[in-house]
Amino acid sequence: MSSNEFSDRYAARFGLPSMSCVEFDGFVQILERVAVKNKGFFIFKVGGERVGSIYAFVLSVSATKGVLIRKDACSIREGMVFLFCELERAGIYP
C-alpha cells in the first residue's frame, strides 16, 4: 500500500473522503487529539534559516506507544501526508 493510500485511510477515519480534503487547521486539530490521548506532543515548525525542507513536523507518543515521527518537508502537504501515513501504519488514533 502506498503512502497516499495509508494517508487516505487515516483521513477516512475522520469522515473525510481522502487526504486531499484535509485542510491544515483540521490536520492540526487531529494531531492535537492524537497527542492528548496518547500523552505525547506535536510540533510544527517553519525553519526560515533553511534553504530546502523548511517545514518540520514532529509527533511523539512515547508515553503510550514509544513512537516518534519526524518529517522535514518542502511543502506542508508533504508533511501532512507523511504523518497521516505513519499514524495509520502504527495504528495510532485519537
Protein backbone atom coordinates (compact mmCIF):
# COMPACT_ATOMS: atom_id res chain seq x y z
CA MET A 1 0.00 0.00 0.00
CA SER A 2 1.36 3.46 -0.90
CA SER A 3 1.81 6.44 1.40
CA ASN A 4 -1.14 8.15 -0.26
CA GLU A 5 -3.37 5.13 0.34
CA PHE A 6 -2.37 4.96 4.01
CA SER A 7 -2.96 8.69 4.49
CA ASP A 8 -6.35 8.42 2.73
CA ARG A 9 -7.32 5.60 5.12
CA TYR A 10 -6.36 7.74 8.10
CA ALA A 11 -8.36 10.70 6.76
CA ALA A 12 -11.36 8.39 6.26
CA ARG A 13 -11.31 7.63 9.99
CA PHE A 14 -12.37 11.26 10.47
CA GLY A 15 -15.12 11.22 7.89
CA LEU A 16 -13.09 12.72 5.06
CA PRO A 17 -13.21 11.10 1.61
CA SER A 18 -9.45 11.46 1.05
CA MET A 19 -6.31 13.18 2.25
CA SER A 20 -6.80 15.89 -0.37
CA CYS A 21 -9.86 17.07 1.64
CA VAL A 22 -7.81 17.62 4.81
CA GLU A 23 -7.15 21.30 5.46
CA PHE A 24 -4.21 22.38 7.65
CA ASP A 25 -6.47 23.53 10.51
CA GLY A 26 -8.23 20.16 10.59
CA PHE A 27 -4.90 18.38 10.43
CA VAL A 28 -3.63 20.29 13.47
CA GLN A 29 -6.84 19.51 15.39
CA ILE A 30 -6.48 15.80 14.65
CA LEU A 31 -2.81 15.79 15.69
CA GLU A 32 -3.71 17.68 18.86
CA ARG A 33 -6.27 14.98 19.71
CA VAL A 34 -3.75 12.22 18.98
CA ALA A 35 -1.11 13.89 21.17
CA VAL A 36 -3.50 14.48 24.08
CA LYS A 37 -4.97 10.97 24.02
CA ASN A 38 -1.55 9.37 23.83
CA LYS A 39 0.13 11.71 26.32
CA GLY A 40 2.53 13.00 23.70
CA PHE A 41 3.20 16.17 21.76
CA PHE A 42 3.02 17.59 18.24
CA ILE A 43 5.31 20.29 16.87
CA PHE A 44 5.05 22.11 13.55
CA LYS A 45 7.92 24.47 12.76
CA VAL A 46 8.80 26.70 9.85
CA GLY A 47 12.58 26.96 9.66
CA GLY A 48 13.32 30.23 7.91
CA GLU A 49 17.05 29.59 8.17
CA ARG A 50 16.80 26.54 5.92
CA VAL A 51 17.14 26.56 2.15
CA GLY A 52 15.03 23.44 1.50
CA SER A 53 12.64 21.33 3.55
CA ILE A 54 11.69 24.34 5.65
CA TYR A 55 8.72 22.63 7.35
CA ALA A 56 9.38 20.32 10.29
CA PHE A 57 6.67 18.02 11.66
CA VAL A 58 7.28 16.10 14.89
CA LEU A 59 4.85 13.86 16.75
CA SER A 60 5.82 11.92 19.85
CA VAL A 61 3.54 9.44 21.56
CA SER A 62 6.33 7.82 23.54
CA ALA A 63 4.34 7.73 26.78
CA THR A 64 1.98 5.10 25.38
CA LYS A 65 3.42 3.54 22.25
CA GLY A 66 7.09 4.54 22.12
CA VAL A 67 6.67 6.21 18.72
CA LEU A 68 8.40 9.32 17.39
CA ILE A 69 7.51 10.51 13.89
CA ARG A 70 9.50 13.30 12.26
CA LYS A 71 9.46 14.72 8.75
CA ASP A 72 11.33 17.67 7.28
CA ALA A 73 9.34 18.60 4.20
CA CYS A 74 9.42 21.01 1.28
CA SER A 75 5.65 21.52 1.48
CA ILE A 76 3.04 21.43 4.21
CA ARG A 77 1.01 18.88 2.23
CA GLU A 78 4.02 16.54 2.02
CA GLY A 79 4.40 16.60 5.81
CA MET A 80 0.69 16.11 6.41
CA VAL A 81 0.56 13.06 4.12
CA PHE A 82 3.63 11.57 5.78
CA LEU A 83 2.28 11.95 9.32
CA PHE A 84 -1.15 10.53 8.47
CA CYS A 85 0.52 7.64 6.65
CA GLU A 86 2.78 6.82 9.59
CA LEU A 87 -0.07 7.14 12.10
CA GLU A 88 -2.16 4.70 10.07
CA ARG A 89 0.76 2.26 9.78
CA ALA A 90 1.37 2.44 13.55
CA GLY A 91 -2.32 2.18 14.44
CA ILE A 92 -2.30 5.39 16.49
CA TYR A 93 -5.68 7.09 16.76
CA PRO A 94 -7.23 9.76 18.98
